[in-house]
Amino acid sequence: MSVTTTTHLNFRGQAREALDFYASVFGGEVMAFTFAQGGDERDTADGAVAEQIKWGGIQAPNGFAVMAFDVPPARAYDAGTDAVYVSVRGTDPEEITGYWKALVDGGTVRAELAPAGYAPLYGMVTDRFGVTWVLDVLPPYNG
């Protein structure tokens, strides 16, 4: 038996846009299922909006995976402050730098991508959707 974890991001009407953006950064294709496709009507108890995302996700060939949905208007939603960081780790500095450059477009750099005492490269950015990403290059393992 094996288990994997996937970060699930919640949005208020921006899930499709965010998934499209993340697919452009990391690769993979967006899979999305709207509230209308699920049979939810605009007048459901939680106010689901027909064209918004009930379930969406990306599974990229490089191993990147993320899920997302739009919290319906009648449900409480608070993105919070630093509630979650999405960590992207790799061994190729060029690959990590490419992701970094895409994520900082329209975002806020919280720590520049640069060498750190514990990693050849480390950086933190809050993207244009309010999601905070931690990117780093794994140091070589010296046993």
C-alpha atoms as a PDB file:
ATOM      1  CA  MET A   1       0.000   0.000   0.000  1.00  0.00           C
ATOM      2  CA  SER A   2       1.233   3.483  -0.799  1.00  0.00           C
ATOM      3  CA  VAL A   3      -0.037   6.941   0.029  1.00  0.00           C
ATOM      4  CA  THR A   4       0.500  10.283  -1.665  1.00  0.00           C
ATOM      5  CA  THR A   5      -0.518  13.765  -0.635  1.00  0.00           C
ATOM      6  CA  THR A   6      -1.643  16.536  -2.926  1.00  0.00           C
ATOM      7  CA  THR A   7      -2.069  20.163  -1.995  1.00  0.00           C
ATOM      8  CA  HIS A   8      -5.730  21.203  -2.395  1.00  0.00           C
ATOM      9  CA  LEU A   9      -6.190  24.950  -2.876  1.00  0.00           C
ATOM     10  CA  ASN A  10      -9.476  26.751  -2.268  1.00  0.00           C
ATOM     11  CA  PHE A  11     -10.463  29.887  -4.168  1.00  0.00           C
ATOM     12  CA  ARG A  12     -13.412  32.225  -4.486  1.00  0.00           C
ATOM     13  CA  GLY A  13     -14.133  32.198  -8.219  1.00  0.00           C
ATOM     14  CA  GLN A  14     -10.490  31.964  -9.364  1.00  0.00           C
ATOM     15  CA  ALA A  15      -9.877  28.208  -9.399  1.00  0.00           C
ATOM     16  CA  ARG A  16      -9.918  27.779 -13.190  1.00  0.00           C
ATOM     17  CA  GLU A  17      -7.643  30.786 -13.750  1.00  0.00           C
ATOM     18  CA  ALA A  18      -5.246  29.558 -11.051  1.00  0.00           C
ATOM     19  CA  LEU A  19      -5.156  25.996 -12.421  1.00  0.00           C
ATOM     20  CA  ASP A  20      -4.497  27.286 -15.946  1.00  0.00           C
ATOM     21  CA  PHE A  21      -1.662  29.431 -14.589  1.00  0.00           C
ATOM     22  CA  TYR A  22      -0.083  26.580 -12.600  1.00  0.00           C
ATOM     23  CA  ALA A  23      -0.290  24.278 -15.640  1.00  0.00           C
ATOM     24  CA  SER A  24       1.560  26.947 -17.647  1.00  0.00           C
ATOM     25  CA  VAL A  25       4.259  27.086 -14.962  1.00  0.00           C
ATOM     26  CA  PHE A  26       4.730  23.397 -14.128  1.00  0.00           C
ATOM     27  CA  GLY A  27       3.251  21.586 -17.130  1.00  0.00           C
ATOM     28  CA  GLY A  28       0.459  19.069 -17.229  1.00  0.00           C
ATOM     29  CA  GLU A  29      -3.139  19.500 -18.230  1.00  0.00           C
ATOM     30  CA  VAL A  30      -5.981  20.974 -16.231  1.00  0.00           C
ATOM     31  CA  MET A  31      -8.782  18.586 -15.378  1.00  0.00           C
ATOM     32  CA  ALA A  32     -11.857  20.484 -14.226  1.00  0.00           C
ATOM     33  CA  PHE A  33     -15.434  19.648 -13.316  1.00  0.00           C
ATOM     34  CA  THR A  34     -17.905  22.502 -12.803  1.00  0.00           C
ATOM     35  CA  PHE A  35     -20.801  22.697 -10.382  1.00  0.00           C
ATOM     36  CA  ALA A  36     -23.158  22.559 -13.401  1.00  0.00           C
ATOM     37  CA  GLN A  37     -21.513  19.337 -14.605  1.00  0.00           C
ATOM     38  CA  GLY A  38     -22.132  17.941 -11.139  1.00  0.00           C
ATOM     39  CA  GLY A  39     -25.821  18.783 -11.320  1.00  0.00           C
ATOM     40  CA  ASP A  40     -25.539  21.660  -8.853  1.00  0.00           C
ATOM     41  CA  GLU A  41     -27.781  24.577  -9.732  1.00  0.00           C
ATOM     42  CA  ARG A  42     -27.111  28.243  -9.067  1.00  0.00           C
ATOM     43  CA  ASP A  43     -29.767  28.199  -6.330  1.00  0.00           C
ATOM     44  CA  THR A  44     -28.386  25.359  -4.211  1.00  0.00           C
ATOM     45  CA  ALA A  45     -28.233  25.798  -0.459  1.00  0.00           C
ATOM     46  CA  ASP A  46     -24.613  26.963  -0.581  1.00  0.00           C
ATOM     47  CA  GLY A  47     -25.111  29.179  -3.654  1.00  0.00           C
ATOM     48  CA  ALA A  48     -22.786  27.227  -5.985  1.00  0.00           C
ATOM     49  CA  VAL A  49     -22.074  29.103  -9.209  1.00  0.00           C
ATOM     50  CA  ALA A  50     -22.691  26.807 -12.186  1.00  0.00           C
ATOM     51  CA  GLU A  51     -19.544  27.630 -14.198  1.00  0.00           C
ATOM     52  CA  GLN A  52     -17.170  27.603 -11.238  1.00  0.00           C
ATOM     53  CA  ILE A  53     -14.975  24.636 -10.331  1.00  0.00           C
ATOM     54  CA  LYS A  54     -16.396  21.926  -8.096  1.00  0.00           C
ATOM     55  CA  TRP A  55     -13.230  19.866  -8.550  1.00  0.00           C
ATOM     56  CA  GLY A  56     -10.104  20.598 -10.517  1.00  0.00           C
ATOM     57  CA  GLY A  57      -6.555  19.414 -10.633  1.00  0.00           C
ATOM     58  CA  ILE A  58      -3.275  19.051 -12.461  1.00  0.00           C
ATOM     59  CA  GLN A  59      -0.995  16.030 -12.568  1.00  0.00           C
ATOM     60  CA  ALA A  60       2.130  16.941 -14.542  1.00  0.00           C
ATOM     61  CA  PRO A  61       4.622  14.448 -16.021  1.00  0.00           C
ATOM     62  CA  ASN A  62       7.369  15.914 -13.795  1.00  0.00           C
ATOM     63  CA  GLY A  63       5.456  14.861 -10.646  1.00  0.00           C
ATOM     64  CA  PHE A  64       3.832  18.207  -9.852  1.00  0.00           C
ATOM     65  CA  ALA A  65       0.247  17.818  -8.620  1.00  0.00           C
ATOM     66  CA  VAL A  66      -2.275  20.239  -7.190  1.00  0.00           C
ATOM     67  CA  MET A  67      -6.042  20.267  -6.724  1.00  0.00           C
ATOM     68  CA  ALA A  68      -8.399  23.240  -6.460  1.00  0.00           C
ATOM     69  CA  PHE A  69     -12.026  24.292  -6.196  1.00  0.00           C
ATOM     70  CA  ASP A  70     -14.172  27.403  -5.854  1.00  0.00           C
ATOM     71  CA  VAL A  71     -15.769  27.801  -2.444  1.00  0.00           C
ATOM     72  CA  PRO A  72     -19.452  28.586  -3.097  1.00  0.00           C
ATOM     73  CA  PRO A  73     -20.592  32.113  -2.150  1.00  0.00           C
ATOM     74  CA  ALA A  74     -22.800  31.045   0.759  1.00  0.00           C
ATOM     75  CA  ARG A  75     -19.944  29.200   2.467  1.00  0.00           C
ATOM     76  CA  ALA A  76     -17.509  31.005   4.711  1.00  0.00           C
ATOM     77  CA  TYR A  77     -14.137  31.501   3.048  1.00  0.00           C
ATOM     78  CA  ASP A  78     -11.021  33.069   4.472  1.00  0.00           C
ATOM     79  CA  ALA A  79      -7.724  32.557   2.685  1.00  0.00           C
ATOM     80  CA  GLY A  80      -6.012  33.226   6.009  1.00  0.00           C
ATOM     81  CA  THR A  81      -2.514  34.487   6.576  1.00  0.00           C
ATOM     82  CA  ASP A  82       0.253  31.960   6.015  1.00  0.00           C
ATOM     83  CA  ALA A  83      -2.168  29.082   6.546  1.00  0.00           C
ATOM     84  CA  VAL A  84      -0.407  26.928   3.933  1.00  0.00           C
ATOM     85  CA  TYR A  85       2.809  27.014   1.941  1.00  0.00           C
ATOM     86  CA  VAL A  86       3.201  24.911  -1.187  1.00  0.00           C
ATOM     87  CA  SER A  87       6.723  23.533  -1.304  1.00  0.00           C
ATOM     88  CA  VAL A  88       8.351  22.715  -4.644  1.00  0.00           C
ATOM     89  CA  ARG A  89      11.703  20.969  -4.318  1.00  0.00           C
ATOM     90  CA  GLY A  90      13.985  19.756  -7.027  1.00  0.00           C
ATOM     91  CA  THR A  91      17.577  18.980  -7.926  1.00  0.00           C
ATOM     92  CA  ASP A  92      17.890  21.109 -11.080  1.00  0.00           C
ATOM     93  CA  PRO A  93      18.575  24.810 -10.366  1.00  0.00           C
ATOM     94  CA  GLU A  94      17.469  25.827 -13.878  1.00  0.00           C
ATOM     95  CA  GLU A  95      14.128  24.063 -13.507  1.00  0.00           C
ATOM     96  CA  ILE A  96      13.447  25.630 -10.087  1.00  0.00           C
ATOM     97  CA  THR A  97      14.526  29.062 -11.386  1.00  0.00           C
ATOM     98  CA  GLY A  98      12.078  28.718 -14.304  1.00  0.00           C
ATOM     99  CA  TYR A  99       9.202  27.988 -11.929  1.00  0.00           C
ATOM    100  CA  TRP A 100      10.296  30.905  -9.758  1.00  0.00           C
ATOM    101  CA  LYS A 101      10.310  33.377 -12.640  1.00  0.00           C
ATOM    102  CA  ALA A 102       6.784  32.366 -13.625  1.00  0.00           C
ATOM    103  CA  LEU A 103       5.359  32.481 -10.087  1.00  0.00           C
ATOM    104  CA  VAL A 104       6.772  35.934  -9.243  1.00  0.00           C
ATOM    105  CA  ASP A 105       4.976  37.476 -12.252  1.00  0.00           C
ATOM    106  CA  GLY A 106       2.230  39.480 -10.550  1.00  0.00           C
ATOM    107  CA  GLY A 107       3.230  38.100  -7.152  1.00  0.00           C
ATOM    108  CA  THR A 108       5.099  39.346  -4.094  1.00  0.00           C
ATOM    109  CA  VAL A 109       8.609  38.084  -3.369  1.00  0.00           C
ATOM    110  CA  ARG A 110       8.962  37.231   0.312  1.00  0.00           C
ATOM    111  CA  ALA A 111      12.510  35.849   0.069  1.00  0.00           C
ATOM    112  CA  GLU A 112      14.565  36.169  -3.112  1.00  0.00           C
ATOM    113  CA  LEU A 113      15.590  32.949  -4.813  1.00  0.00           C
ATOM    114  CA  ALA A 114      19.217  32.711  -3.728  1.00  0.00           C
ATOM    115  CA  PRO A 115      21.696  30.412  -2.016  1.00  0.00           C
ATOM    116  CA  ALA A 116      20.836  29.671   1.605  1.00  0.00           C
ATOM    117  CA  GLY A 117      22.809  27.943   4.345  1.00  0.00           C
ATOM    118  CA  TYR A 118      20.716  24.786   3.962  1.00  0.00           C
ATOM    119  CA  ALA A 119      20.097  24.755   0.205  1.00  0.00           C
ATOM    120  CA  PRO A 120      21.866  25.757  -3.017  1.00  0.00           C
ATOM    121  CA  LEU A 121      18.764  27.862  -3.833  1.00  0.00           C
ATOM    122  CA  TYR A 122      15.786  28.878  -1.699  1.00  0.00           C
ATOM    123  CA  GLY A 123      13.025  31.419  -2.270  1.00  0.00           C
ATOM    124  CA  MET A 124       9.497  32.277  -1.164  1.00  0.00           C
ATOM    125  CA  VAL A 125       6.821  34.070  -3.192  1.00  0.00           C
ATOM    126  CA  THR A 126       3.134  34.787  -2.719  1.00  0.00           C
ATOM    127  CA  ASP A 127       1.623  34.530  -6.199  1.00  0.00           C
ATOM    128  CA  ARG A 128      -1.096  36.690  -7.739  1.00  0.00           C
ATOM    129  CA  PHE A 129      -3.756  34.352  -6.290  1.00  0.00           C
ATOM    130  CA  GLY A 130      -2.509  34.716  -2.707  1.00  0.00           C
ATOM    131  CA  VAL A 131      -0.855  31.268  -2.583  1.00  0.00           C
ATOM    132  CA  THR A 132       2.595  31.208  -0.969  1.00  0.00           C
ATOM    133  CA  TRP A 133       5.189  28.995  -2.641  1.00  0.00           C
ATOM    134  CA  VAL A 134       8.503  27.851  -1.180  1.00  0.00           C
ATOM    135  CA  LEU A 135      10.931  26.739  -3.874  1.00  0.00           C
ATOM    136  CA  ASP A 136      14.295  25.175  -3.209  1.00  0.00           C
ATOM    137  CA  VAL A 137      17.022  23.060  -4.701  1.00  0.00           C
ATOM    138  CA  LEU A 138      17.878  20.052  -2.598  1.00  0.00           C
ATOM    139  CA  PRO A 139      21.475  19.949  -1.377  1.00  0.00           C
ATOM    140  CA  PRO A 140      23.523  16.888  -2.272  1.00  0.00           C
ATOM    141  CA  TYR A 141      23.232  14.150   0.343  1.00  0.00           C
ATOM    142  CA  ASN A 142      26.564  13.458   2.014  1.00  0.00           C
ATOM    143  CA  GLY A 143      25.486  10.531   4.192  1.00  0.00           C
END
